[in-house]
PDB file of N, CA and C in Angstrom:
ATOM      1  N   MET A   1     158.394 164.978 126.666  1.00  0.00           N
ATOM      2  CA  MET A   1     157.700 163.980 125.866  1.00  0.00           C
ATOM      3  C   MET A   1     157.392 162.732 126.703  1.00  0.00           C
ATOM      4  N   ILE A   2     158.388 162.201 127.399  1.00  0.00           N
ATOM      5  CA  ILE A   2     158.174 160.999 128.212  1.00  0.00           C
ATOM      6  C   ILE A   2     157.212 161.290 129.352  1.00  0.00           C
ATOM      7  N   VAL A   3     157.337 162.482 129.940  1.00  0.00           N
ATOM      8  CA  VAL A   3     156.439 162.861 131.034  1.00  0.00           C
ATOM      9  C   VAL A   3     155.003 162.917 130.544  1.00  0.00           C
ATOM     10  N   SER A   4     154.779 163.461 129.349  1.00  0.00           N
ATOM     11  CA  SER A   4     153.409 163.539 128.832  1.00  0.00           C
ATOM     12  C   SER A   4     152.867 162.148 128.496  1.00  0.00           C
ATOM     13  N   LEU A   5     153.725 161.242 128.056  1.00  0.00           N
ATOM     14  CA  LEU A   5     153.284 159.867 127.799  1.00  0.00           C
ATOM     15  C   LEU A   5     152.907 159.166 129.096  1.00  0.00           C
ATOM     16  N   ILE A   6     153.685 159.402 130.147  1.00  0.00           N
ATOM     17  CA  ILE A   6     153.376 158.811 131.451  1.00  0.00           C
ATOM     18  C   ILE A   6     152.056 159.357 131.977  1.00  0.00           C
ATOM     19  N   ALA A   7     151.801 160.640 131.729  1.00  0.00           N
ATOM     20  CA  ALA A   7     150.547 161.249 132.174  1.00  0.00           C
ATOM     21  C   ALA A   7     149.350 160.645 131.449  1.00  0.00           C
ATOM     22  N   LEU A   8     149.558 160.171 130.234  1.00  0.00           N
ATOM     23  CA  LEU A   8     148.473 159.561 129.459  1.00  0.00           C
ATOM     24  C   LEU A   8     148.230 158.098 129.826  1.00  0.00           C
ATOM     25  N   ALA A   9     149.155 157.481 130.536  1.00  0.00           N
ATOM     26  CA  ALA A   9     149.056 156.048 130.842  1.00  0.00           C
ATOM     27  C   ALA A   9     147.756 155.656 131.535  1.00  0.00           C
ATOM     28  N   PRO A  10     147.304 156.363 132.584  1.00  0.00           N
ATOM     29  CA  PRO A  10     146.045 155.944 133.223  1.00  0.00           C
ATOM     30  C   PRO A  10     144.853 155.948 132.265  1.00  0.00           C
ATOM     31  N   ALA A  11     144.767 156.958 131.407  1.00  0.00           N
ATOM     32  CA  ALA A  11     143.658 157.008 130.445  1.00  0.00           C
ATOM     33  C   ALA A  11     143.777 155.878 129.427  1.00  0.00           C
ATOM     34  N   ALA A  12     144.994 155.603 128.980  1.00  0.00           N
ATOM     35  CA  ALA A  12     145.201 154.518 128.017  1.00  0.00           C
ATOM     36  C   ALA A  12     144.825 153.174 128.630  1.00  0.00           C
ATOM     37  N   ILE A  13     145.205 152.965 129.883  1.00  0.00           N
ATOM     38  CA  ILE A  13     144.842 151.725 130.579  1.00  0.00           C
ATOM     39  C   ILE A  13     143.327 151.646 130.731  1.00  0.00           C
ATOM     40  N   HIS A  14     142.715 152.741 131.177  1.00  0.00           N
ATOM     41  CA  HIS A  14     141.272 152.767 131.420  1.00  0.00           C
ATOM     42  C   HIS A  14     140.492 152.429 130.145  1.00  0.00           C
ATOM     43  N   TYR A  15     140.760 153.147 129.077  1.00  0.00           N
ATOM     44  CA  TYR A  15     139.993 152.923 127.851  1.00  0.00           C
ATOM     45  C   TYR A  15     140.403 151.639 127.135  1.00  0.00           C
ATOM     46  N   GLY A  16     141.657 151.241 127.282  1.00  0.00           N
ATOM     47  CA  GLY A  16     142.075 149.950 126.738  1.00  0.00           C
ATOM     48  C   GLY A  16     141.344 148.800 127.414  1.00  0.00           C
ATOM     49  N   PHE A  17     141.192 148.908 128.739  1.00  0.00           N
ATOM     50  CA  PHE A  17     140.458 147.876 129.472  1.00  0.00           C
ATOM     51  C   PHE A  17     138.977 147.878 129.093  1.00  0.00           C
ATOM     52  N   HIS A  18     138.404 149.057 128.835  1.00  0.00           N
ATOM     53  CA  HIS A  18     136.989 149.131 128.463  1.00  0.00           C
ATOM     54  C   HIS A  18     136.736 148.593 127.052  1.00  0.00           C
ATOM     55  N   PHE A  19     137.635 148.903 126.105  1.00  0.00           N
ATOM     56  CA  PHE A  19     137.322 148.634 124.703  1.00  0.00           C
ATOM     57  C   PHE A  19     138.206 147.595 124.012  1.00  0.00           C
ATOM     58  N   LEU A  20     139.335 147.228 124.590  1.00  0.00           N
ATOM     59  CA  LEU A  20     140.193 146.226 123.958  1.00  0.00           C
ATOM     60  C   LEU A  20     140.228 144.906 124.731  1.00  0.00           C
ATOM     61  N   ALA A  21     140.335 144.985 126.045  1.00  0.00           N
ATOM     62  CA  ALA A  21     140.412 143.770 126.866  1.00  0.00           C
ATOM     63  C   ALA A  21     139.215 142.829 126.679  1.00  0.00           C
ATOM     64  N   PRO A  22     137.991 143.348 126.449  1.00  0.00           N
ATOM     65  CA  PRO A  22     136.866 142.414 126.258  1.00  0.00           C
ATOM     66  C   PRO A  22     137.077 141.402 125.137  1.00  0.00           C
ATOM     67  N   PHE A  23     137.879 141.742 124.133  1.00  0.00           N
ATOM     68  CA  PHE A  23     138.136 140.777 123.061  1.00  0.00           C
ATOM     69  C   PHE A  23     138.898 139.562 123.600  1.00  0.00           C
ATOM     70  N   GLY A  24     139.915 139.801 124.399  1.00  0.00           N
ATOM     71  CA  GLY A  24     140.677 138.697 124.990  1.00  0.00           C
ATOM     72  C   GLY A  24     139.866 137.907 125.998  1.00  0.00           C
ATOM     73  N   ILE A  25     139.111 138.616 126.823  1.00  0.00           N
ATOM     74  CA  ILE A  25     138.282 137.946 127.828  1.00  0.00           C
ATOM     75  C   ILE A  25     137.236 137.068 127.145  1.00  0.00           C
ATOM     76  N   ALA A  26     136.582 137.616 126.125  1.00  0.00           N
ATOM     77  CA  ALA A  26     135.545 136.859 125.410  1.00  0.00           C
ATOM     78  C   ALA A  26     136.138 135.629 124.732  1.00  0.00           C
ATOM     79  N   ARG A  27     137.335 135.756 124.197  1.00  0.00           N
ATOM     80  CA  ARG A  27     137.985 134.618 123.534  1.00  0.00           C
ATOM     81  C   ARG A  27     138.254 133.500 124.542  1.00  0.00           C
ATOM     82  N   LEU A  28     138.675 133.896 125.745  1.00  0.00           N
ATOM     83  CA  LEU A  28     138.956 132.904 126.790  1.00  0.00           C
ATOM     84  C   LEU A  28     137.684 132.273 127.356  1.00  0.00           C
ATOM     85  N   VAL A  29     136.663 133.090 127.571  1.00  0.00           N
ATOM     86  CA  VAL A  29     135.457 132.614 128.262  1.00  0.00           C
ATOM     87  C   VAL A  29     134.468 131.944 127.314  1.00  0.00           C
ATOM     88  N   PHE A  30     134.269 132.519 126.138  1.00  0.00           N
ATOM     89  CA  PHE A  30     133.201 132.044 125.253  1.00  0.00           C
ATOM     90  C   PHE A  30     133.691 131.167 124.107  1.00  0.00           C
ATOM     91  N   GLY A  31     134.987 131.090 123.892  1.00  0.00           N
ATOM     92  CA  GLY A  31     135.528 130.205 122.874  1.00  0.00           C
ATOM     93  C   GLY A  31     135.312 130.691 121.455  1.00  0.00           C
ATOM     94  N   LYS A  32     135.786 129.874 120.525  1.00  0.00           N
ATOM     95  CA  LYS A  32     135.810 130.260 119.124  1.00  0.00           C
ATOM     96  C   LYS A  32     134.458 130.593 118.500  1.00  0.00           C
ATOM     97  N   PRO A  33     133.441 129.802 118.698  1.00  0.00           N
ATOM     98  CA  PRO A  33     132.222 130.064 117.925  1.00  0.00           C
ATOM     99  C   PRO A  33     131.587 131.430 118.188  1.00  0.00           C
ATOM    100  N   ARG A  34     131.692 131.934 119.425  1.00  0.00           N
ATOM    101  CA  ARG A  34     130.928 133.137 119.780  1.00  0.00           C
ATOM    102  C   ARG A  34     131.775 134.283 120.304  1.00  0.00           C
ATOM    103  N   TRP A  35     133.078 134.161 120.316  1.00  0.00           N
ATOM    104  CA  TRP A  35     133.893 135.136 121.025  1.00  0.00           C
ATOM    105  C   TRP A  35     133.737 136.546 120.489  1.00  0.00           C
ATOM    106  N   LEU A  36     133.626 136.710 119.184  1.00  0.00           N
ATOM    107  CA  LEU A  36     133.542 138.061 118.627  1.00  0.00           C
ATOM    108  C   LEU A  36     132.215 138.725 118.990  1.00  0.00           C
ATOM    109  N   ALA A  37     131.123 137.982 118.883  1.00  0.00           N
ATOM    110  CA  ALA A  37     129.814 138.526 119.274  1.00  0.00           C
ATOM    111  C   ALA A  37     129.780 138.800 120.771  1.00  0.00           C
ATOM    112  N   ALA A  38     130.362 137.908 121.559  1.00  0.00           N
ATOM    113  CA  ALA A  38     130.407 138.109 123.011  1.00  0.00           C
ATOM    114  C   ALA A  38     131.222 139.352 123.352  1.00  0.00           C
ATOM    115  N   ALA A  39     132.330 139.567 122.654  1.00  0.00           N
ATOM    116  CA  ALA A  39     133.140 140.768 122.884  1.00  0.00           C
ATOM    117  C   ALA A  39     132.333 142.019 122.565  1.00  0.00           C
ATOM    118  N   GLY A  40     131.561 141.966 121.492  1.00  0.00           N
ATOM    119  CA  GLY A  40     130.703 143.106 121.147  1.00  0.00           C
ATOM    120  C   GLY A  40     129.696 143.404 122.243  1.00  0.00           C
ATOM    121  N   LEU A  41     129.100 142.362 122.804  1.00  0.00           N
ATOM    122  CA  LEU A  41     128.146 142.555 123.903  1.00  0.00           C
ATOM    123  C   LEU A  41     128.841 143.075 125.156  1.00  0.00           C
ATOM    124  N   MET A  42     130.049 142.590 125.407  1.00  0.00           N
ATOM    125  CA  MET A  42     130.791 143.085 126.568  1.00  0.00           C
ATOM    126  C   MET A  42     131.114 144.572 126.412  1.00  0.00           C
ATOM    127  N   ILE A  43     131.462 144.973 125.206  1.00  0.00           N
ATOM    128  CA  ILE A  43     131.733 146.396 124.956  1.00  0.00           C
ATOM    129  C   ILE A  43     130.440 147.198 125.054  1.00  0.00           C
ATOM    130  N   LEU A  44     129.343 146.643 124.569  1.00  0.00           N
ATOM    131  CA  LEU A  44     128.040 147.300 124.681  1.00  0.00           C
ATOM    132  C   LEU A  44     127.663 147.544 126.141  1.00  0.00           C
ATOM    133  N   ALA A  45     128.141 146.694 127.026  1.00  0.00           N
ATOM    134  CA  ALA A  45     127.845 146.844 128.458  1.00  0.00           C
ATOM    135  C   ALA A  45     128.390 148.152 129.026  1.00  0.00           C
ATOM    136  N   ASN A  46     129.295 148.803 128.312  1.00  0.00           N
ATOM    137  CA  ASN A  46     129.780 150.112 128.757  1.00  0.00           C
ATOM    138  C   ASN A  46     128.661 151.144 128.780  1.00  0.00           C
ATOM    139  N   ALA A  47     127.524 150.793 128.220  1.00  0.00           N
ATOM    140  CA  ALA A  47     126.363 151.693 128.257  1.00  0.00           C
ATOM    141  C   ALA A  47     125.880 151.934 129.682  1.00  0.00           C
ATOM    142  N   ILE A  48     126.347 151.139 130.640  1.00  0.00           N
ATOM    143  CA  ILE A  48     125.964 151.414 132.030  1.00  0.00           C
ATOM    144  C   ILE A  48     126.474 152.780 132.474  1.00  0.00           C
ATOM    145  N   ASP A  49     127.388 153.356 131.710  1.00  0.00           N
ATOM    146  CA  ASP A  49     127.857 154.707 132.028  1.00  0.00           C
ATOM    147  C   ASP A  49     126.783 155.763 131.789  1.00  0.00           C
ATOM    148  N   ALA A  50     125.646 155.373 131.228  1.00  0.00           N
ATOM    149  CA  ALA A  50     124.538 156.323 131.061  1.00  0.00           C
ATOM    150  C   ALA A  50     124.078 156.867 132.409  1.00  0.00           C
ATOM    151  N   ASP A  51     124.344 156.123 133.482  1.00  0.00           N
ATOM    152  CA  ASP A  51     123.942 156.617 134.805  1.00  0.00           C
ATOM    153  C   ASP A  51     124.731 157.859 135.223  1.00  0.00           C
ATOM    154  N   HIS A  52     125.813 158.148 134.533  1.00  0.00           N
ATOM    155  CA  HIS A  52     126.570 159.372 134.813  1.00  0.00           C
ATOM    156  C   HIS A  52     125.733 160.609 134.480  1.00  0.00           C
ATOM    157  N   LEU A  53     124.762 160.455 133.596  1.00  0.00           N
ATOM    158  CA  LEU A  53     123.901 161.581 133.217  1.00  0.00           C
ATOM    159  C   LEU A  53     123.017 162.032 134.375  1.00  0.00           C
ATOM    160  N   LEU A  54     122.873 161.196 135.392  1.00  0.00           N
ATOM    161  CA  LEU A  54     122.057 161.541 136.558  1.00  0.00           C
ATOM    162  C   LEU A  54     122.827 162.373 137.580  1.00  0.00           C
ATOM    163  N   ALA A  55     124.134 162.481 137.407  1.00  0.00           N
ATOM    164  CA  ALA A  55     124.976 163.181 138.388  1.00  0.00           C
ATOM    165  C   ALA A  55     125.148 164.651 138.023  1.00  0.00           C
ATOM    166  N   THR A  56     125.397 165.453 139.046  1.00  0.00           N
ATOM    167  CA  THR A  56     125.726 166.859 138.842  1.00  0.00           C
ATOM    168  C   THR A  56     127.034 167.130 139.561  1.00  0.00           C
ATOM    169  N   PRO A  57     128.074 167.514 138.852  1.00  0.00           N
ATOM    170  CA  PRO A  57     128.174 167.601 137.397  1.00  0.00           C
ATOM    171  C   PRO A  57     128.233 166.202 136.774  1.00  0.00           C
ATOM    172  N   ILE A  58     127.940 166.129 135.494  1.00  0.00           N
ATOM    173  CA  ILE A  58     127.944 164.837 134.801  1.00  0.00           C
ATOM    174  C   ILE A  58     129.327 164.197 134.889  1.00  0.00           C
ATOM    175  N   PHE A  59     130.363 165.000 134.699  1.00  0.00           N
ATOM    176  CA  PHE A  59     131.736 164.489 134.781  1.00  0.00           C
ATOM    177  C   PHE A  59     132.504 165.245 135.847  1.00  0.00           C
ATOM    178  N   ASP A  60     133.111 164.513 136.732  1.00  0.00           N
ATOM    179  CA  ASP A  60     133.996 165.084 137.747  1.00  0.00           C
ATOM    180  C   ASP A  60     135.250 164.212 137.764  1.00  0.00           C
ATOM    181  N   PRO A  61     136.378 164.744 137.304  1.00  0.00           N
ATOM    182  CA  PRO A  61     137.588 163.921 137.201  1.00  0.00           C
ATOM    183  C   PRO A  61     138.097 163.399 138.542  1.00  0.00           C
ATOM    184  N   ASN A  62     137.646 163.982 139.632  1.00  0.00           N
ATOM    185  CA  ASN A  62     138.103 163.554 140.957  1.00  0.00           C
ATOM    186  C   ASN A  62     137.103 162.652 141.672  1.00  0.00           C
ATOM    187  N   ARG A  63     136.054 162.242 140.980  1.00  0.00           N
ATOM    188  CA  ARG A  63     135.017 161.411 141.600  1.00  0.00           C
ATOM    189  C   ARG A  63     135.204 159.957 141.166  1.00  0.00           C
ATOM    190  N   CYS A  64     135.094 159.069 142.117  1.00  0.00           N
ATOM    191  CA  CYS A  64     135.134 157.636 141.824  1.00  0.00           C
ATOM    192  C   CYS A  64     133.709 157.188 141.479  1.00  0.00           C
ATOM    193  N   SER A  65     133.552 156.565 140.329  1.00  0.00           N
ATOM    194  CA  SER A  65     132.228 156.108 139.888  1.00  0.00           C
ATOM    195  C   SER A  65     131.656 155.023 140.791  1.00  0.00           C
ATOM    196  N   ILE A  66     132.533 154.169 141.312  1.00  0.00           N
ATOM    197  CA  ILE A  66     132.087 153.029 142.108  1.00  0.00           C
ATOM    198  C   ILE A  66     131.444 153.529 143.399  1.00  0.00           C
ATOM    199  N   GLY A  67     130.204 153.114 143.598  1.00  0.00           N
ATOM    200  CA  GLY A  67     129.479 153.512 144.796  1.00  0.00           C
ATOM    201  C   GLY A  67     128.798 154.862 144.687  1.00  0.00           C
ATOM    202  N   PHE A  68     129.036 155.589 143.595  1.00  0.00           N
ATOM    203  CA  PHE A  68     128.419 156.906 143.439  1.00  0.00           C
ATOM    204  C   PHE A  68     127.217 156.842 142.500  1.00  0.00           C
ATOM    205  N   HIS A  69     127.390 156.213 141.363  1.00  0.00           N
ATOM    206  CA  HIS A  69     126.320 156.114 140.370  1.00  0.00           C
ATOM    207  C   HIS A  69     125.499 154.839 140.606  1.00  0.00           C
ATOM    208  N   PRO A  70     124.200 154.868 140.297  1.00  0.00           N
ATOM    209  CA  PRO A  70     123.329 153.713 140.587  1.00  0.00           C
ATOM    210  C   PRO A  70     123.782 152.396 139.946  1.00  0.00           C
ATOM    211  N   LEU A  71     124.234 152.441 138.698  1.00  0.00           N
ATOM    212  CA  LEU A  71     124.657 151.207 138.030  1.00  0.00           C
ATOM    213  C   LEU A  71     126.108 150.843 138.341  1.00  0.00           C
ATOM    214  N   HIS A  72     126.716 151.605 139.234  1.00  0.00           N
ATOM    215  CA  HIS A  72     128.079 151.339 139.694  1.00  0.00           C
ATOM    216  C   HIS A  72     128.070 151.020 141.193  1.00  0.00           C
ATOM    217  N   SER A  73     126.945 150.526 141.685  1.00  0.00           N
ATOM    218  CA  SER A  73     126.770 150.256 143.120  1.00  0.00           C
ATOM    219  C   SER A  73     127.003 148.773 143.422  1.00  0.00           C
ATOM    220  N   GLY A  74     127.069 148.473 144.700  1.00  0.00           N
ATOM    221  CA  GLY A  74     127.205 147.086 145.128  1.00  0.00           C
ATOM    222  C   GLY A  74     125.999 146.253 144.731  1.00  0.00           C
ATOM    223  N   LEU A  75     124.811 146.844 144.841  1.00  0.00           N
ATOM    224  CA  LEU A  75     123.589 146.135 144.445  1.00  0.00           C
ATOM    225  C   LEU A  75     123.618 145.810 142.956  1.00  0.00           C
ATOM    226  N   ALA A  76     124.013 146.782 142.145  1.00  0.00           N
ATOM    227  CA  ALA A  76     124.100 146.541 140.703  1.00  0.00           C
ATOM    228  C   ALA A  76     125.107 145.429 140.412  1.00  0.00           C
ATOM    229  N   ALA A  77     126.248 145.465 141.089  1.00  0.00           N
ATOM    230  CA  ALA A  77     127.265 144.424 140.890  1.00  0.00           C
ATOM    231  C   ALA A  77     126.709 143.047 141.255  1.00  0.00           C
ATOM    232  N   ALA A  78     125.940 142.981 142.332  1.00  0.00           N
ATOM    233  CA  ALA A  78     125.336 141.705 142.740  1.00  0.00           C
ATOM    234  C   ALA A  78     124.350 141.209 141.686  1.00  0.00           C
ATOM    235  N   LEU A  79     123.573 142.115 141.119  1.00  0.00           N
ATOM    236  CA  LEU A  79     122.624 141.730 140.063  1.00  0.00           C
ATOM    237  C   LEU A  79     123.360 141.274 138.806  1.00  0.00           C
ATOM    238  N   PHE A  80     124.441 141.969 138.458  1.00  0.00           N
ATOM    239  CA  PHE A  80     125.237 141.554 137.295  1.00  0.00           C
ATOM    240  C   PHE A  80     125.840 140.170 137.542  1.00  0.00           C
ATOM    241  N   ALA A  81     126.310 139.933 138.762  1.00  0.00           N
ATOM    242  CA  ALA A  81     126.881 138.623 139.103  1.00  0.00           C
ATOM    243  C   ALA A  81     125.810 137.533 139.031  1.00  0.00           C
ATOM    244  N   ALA A  82     124.608 137.841 139.505  1.00  0.00           N
ATOM    245  CA  ALA A  82     123.510 136.870 139.439  1.00  0.00           C
ATOM    246  C   ALA A  82     123.147 136.564 137.992  1.00  0.00           C
ATOM    247  N   ALA A  83     123.260 137.557 137.121  1.00  0.00           N
ATOM    248  CA  ALA A  83     122.939 137.356 135.706  1.00  0.00           C
ATOM    249  C   ALA A  83     123.906 136.379 135.043  1.00  0.00           C
ATOM    250  N   LEU A  84     125.073 136.182 135.628  1.00  0.00           N
ATOM    251  CA  LEU A  84     126.009 135.185 135.091  1.00  0.00           C
ATOM    252  C   LEU A  84     125.447 133.771 135.193  1.00  0.00           C
ATOM    253  N   LEU A  85     124.467 133.579 136.072  1.00  0.00           N
ATOM    254  CA  LEU A  85     123.865 132.259 136.261  1.00  0.00           C
ATOM    255  C   LEU A  85     122.776 131.946 135.239  1.00  0.00           C
ATOM    256  N   VAL A  86     122.353 132.954 134.488  1.00  0.00           N
ATOM    257  CA  VAL A  86     121.319 132.746 133.466  1.00  0.00           C
ATOM    258  C   VAL A  86     121.916 131.892 132.345  1.00  0.00           C
ATOM    259  N   PRO A  87     121.242 130.815 131.954  1.00  0.00           N
ATOM    260  CA  PRO A  87     121.809 129.915 130.944  1.00  0.00           C
ATOM    261  C   PRO A  87     121.633 130.426 129.511  1.00  0.00           C
ATOM    262  N   ASN A  88     122.134 131.621 129.268  1.00  0.00           N
ATOM    263  CA  ASN A  88     122.070 132.225 127.940  1.00  0.00           C
ATOM    264  C   ASN A  88     123.378 132.978 127.727  1.00  0.00           C
ATOM    265  N   TRP A  89     124.122 132.643 126.674  1.00  0.00           N
ATOM    266  CA  TRP A  89     125.449 133.222 126.492  1.00  0.00           C
ATOM    267  C   TRP A  89     125.399 134.731 126.301  1.00  0.00           C
ATOM    268  N   LYS A  90     124.333 135.243 125.686  1.00  0.00           N
ATOM    269  CA  LYS A  90     124.241 136.697 125.471  1.00  0.00           C
ATOM    270  C   LYS A  90     124.071 137.430 126.803  1.00  0.00           C
ATOM    271  N   THR A  91     123.217 136.891 127.657  1.00  0.00           N
ATOM    272  CA  THR A  91     123.022 137.487 128.984  1.00  0.00           C
ATOM    273  C   THR A  91     124.317 137.420 129.781  1.00  0.00           C
ATOM    274  N   ARG A  92     124.994 136.296 129.698  1.00  0.00           N
ATOM    275  CA  ARG A  92     126.261 136.148 130.421  1.00  0.00           C
ATOM    276  C   ARG A  92     127.320 137.117 129.895  1.00  0.00           C
ATOM    277  N   ALA A  93     127.353 137.312 128.583  1.00  0.00           N
ATOM    278  CA  ALA A  93     128.331 138.242 128.007  1.00  0.00           C
ATOM    279  C   ALA A  93     128.060 139.670 128.474  1.00  0.00           C
ATOM    280  N   LEU A  94     126.789 140.073 128.488  1.00  0.00           N
ATOM    281  CA  LEU A  94     126.448 141.416 128.979  1.00  0.00           C
ATOM    282  C   LEU A  94     126.786 141.558 130.462  1.00  0.00           C
ATOM    283  N   ALA A  95     126.451 140.543 131.241  1.00  0.00           N
ATOM    284  CA  ALA A  95     126.741 140.586 132.680  1.00  0.00           C
ATOM    285  C   ALA A  95     128.242 140.641 132.934  1.00  0.00           C
ATOM    286  N   LEU A  96     128.990 139.823 132.216  1.00  0.00           N
ATOM    287  CA  LEU A  96     130.442 139.834 132.366  1.00  0.00           C
ATOM    288  C   LEU A  96     131.008 141.189 131.944  1.00  0.00           C
ATOM    289  N   GLY A  97     130.443 141.762 130.887  1.00  0.00           N
ATOM    290  CA  GLY A  97     130.873 143.090 130.447  1.00  0.00           C
ATOM    291  C   GLY A  97     130.616 144.146 131.505  1.00  0.00           C
ATOM    292  N   CYS A  98     129.465 144.074 132.154  1.00  0.00           N
ATOM    293  CA  CYS A  98     129.152 145.031 133.229  1.00  0.00           C
ATOM    294  C   CYS A  98     130.111 144.867 134.401  1.00  0.00           C
ATOM    295  N   LEU A  99     130.381 143.631 134.784  1.00  0.00           N
ATOM    296  CA  LEU A  99     131.310 143.390 135.893  1.00  0.00           C
ATOM    297  C   LEU A  99     132.731 143.826 135.528  1.00  0.00           C
ATOM    298  N   TRP A 100     133.138 143.572 134.290  1.00  0.00           N
ATOM    299  CA  TRP A 100     134.453 144.019 133.841  1.00  0.00           C
ATOM    300  C   TRP A 100     134.517 145.550 133.849  1.00  0.00           C
ATOM    301  N   HIS A 101     133.432 146.186 133.450  1.00  0.00           N
ATOM    302  CA  HIS A 101     133.360 147.649 133.473  1.00  0.00           C
ATOM    303  C   HIS A 101     133.565 148.165 134.898  1.00  0.00           C
ATOM    304  N   LEU A 102     132.890 147.556 135.854  1.00  0.00           N
ATOM    305  CA  LEU A 102     133.030 147.975 137.251  1.00  0.00           C
ATOM    306  C   LEU A 102     134.457 147.742 137.754  1.00  0.00           C
ATOM    307  N   ALA A 103     135.056 146.628 137.377  1.00  0.00           N
ATOM    308  CA  ALA A 103     136.439 146.356 137.783  1.00  0.00           C
ATOM    309  C   ALA A 103     137.389 147.390 137.184  1.00  0.00           C
ATOM    310  N   THR A 104     137.160 147.733 135.933  1.00  0.00           N
ATOM    311  CA  THR A 104     137.988 148.740 135.269  1.00  0.00           C
ATOM    312  C   THR A 104     137.829 150.098 135.931  1.00  0.00           C
ATOM    313  N   ASP A 105     136.594 150.472 136.239  1.00  0.00           N
ATOM    314  CA  ASP A 105     136.371 151.750 136.924  1.00  0.00           C
ATOM    315  C   ASP A 105     136.975 151.731 138.327  1.00  0.00           C
ATOM    316  N   GLY A 106     136.919 150.589 138.992  1.00  0.00           N
ATOM    317  CA  GLY A 106     137.548 150.471 140.304  1.00  0.00           C
ATOM    318  C   GLY A 106     139.057 150.657 140.219  1.00  0.00           C
ATOM    319  N   LEU A 107     139.674 150.059 139.210  1.00  0.00           N
ATOM    320  CA  LEU A 107     141.106 150.242 138.995  1.00  0.00           C
ATOM    321  C   LEU A 107     141.419 151.710 138.734  1.00  0.00           C
ATOM    322  N   ASP A 108     140.556 152.368 137.976  1.00  0.00           N
ATOM    323  CA  ASP A 108     140.734 153.795 137.700  1.00  0.00           C
ATOM    324  C   ASP A 108     140.695 154.601 139.000  1.00  0.00           C
ATOM    325  N   CYS A 109     139.786 154.248 139.894  1.00  0.00           N
ATOM    326  CA  CYS A 109     139.698 154.937 141.192  1.00  0.00           C
ATOM    327  C   CYS A 109     140.980 154.750 141.994  1.00  0.00           C
ATOM    328  N   VAL A 110     141.545 153.552 141.930  1.00  0.00           N
ATOM    329  CA  VAL A 110     142.806 153.286 142.631  1.00  0.00           C
ATOM    330  C   VAL A 110     143.934 154.107 142.005  1.00  0.00           C
ATOM    331  N   MET A 111     143.985 154.132 140.664  1.00  0.00           N
ATOM    332  CA  MET A 111     145.062 154.860 139.986  1.00  0.00           C
ATOM    333  C   MET A 111     144.995 156.364 140.249  1.00  0.00           C
ATOM    334  N   GLN A 112     143.785 156.906 140.383  1.00  0.00           N
ATOM    335  CA  GLN A 112     143.676 158.342 140.631  1.00  0.00           C
ATOM    336  C   GLN A 112     143.709 158.684 142.117  1.00  0.00           C
ATOM    337  N   GLY A 113     143.787 157.666 142.959  1.00  0.00           N
ATOM    338  CA  GLY A 113     143.928 157.889 144.387  1.00  0.00           C
ATOM    339  C   GLY A 113     142.655 158.300 145.098  1.00  0.00           C
ATOM    340  N   THR A 114     141.497 158.035 144.493  1.00  0.00           N
ATOM    341  CA  THR A 114     140.226 158.394 145.131  1.00  0.00           C
ATOM    342  C   THR A 114     139.595 157.216 145.856  1.00  0.00           C
ATOM    343  N   TRP A 115     140.275 156.058 145.827  1.00  0.00           N
ATOM    344  CA  TRP A 115     139.709 154.867 146.462  1.00  0.00           C
ATOM    345  C   TRP A 115     140.751 154.161 147.258  1.00  0.00           C
TER     346      TRP A 115
END
């Protein structure tokens, strides 16, 4: 039982970071008036995983997304970082969500030993 729970830990961390952590980040970054909407936009940013549909196979448990998929590249990260400079909270929330997504996927690569 404990061994199976330990085996689930990386997936729990990965999906928790994708779908739960944005609420805390948005609360810290965007404050009370907009934090819930900002968290929703940050979670919506997980749509960058649509670029996985361009890969063959679509899912490979041993592949690190970072640097492999177009929206998981260094160029994409630079564009997301530049979008943080746009003076619009919605754009910033989406950009922050994309960068958080990349950080989470990078952590996943480290945890699975592919990076």
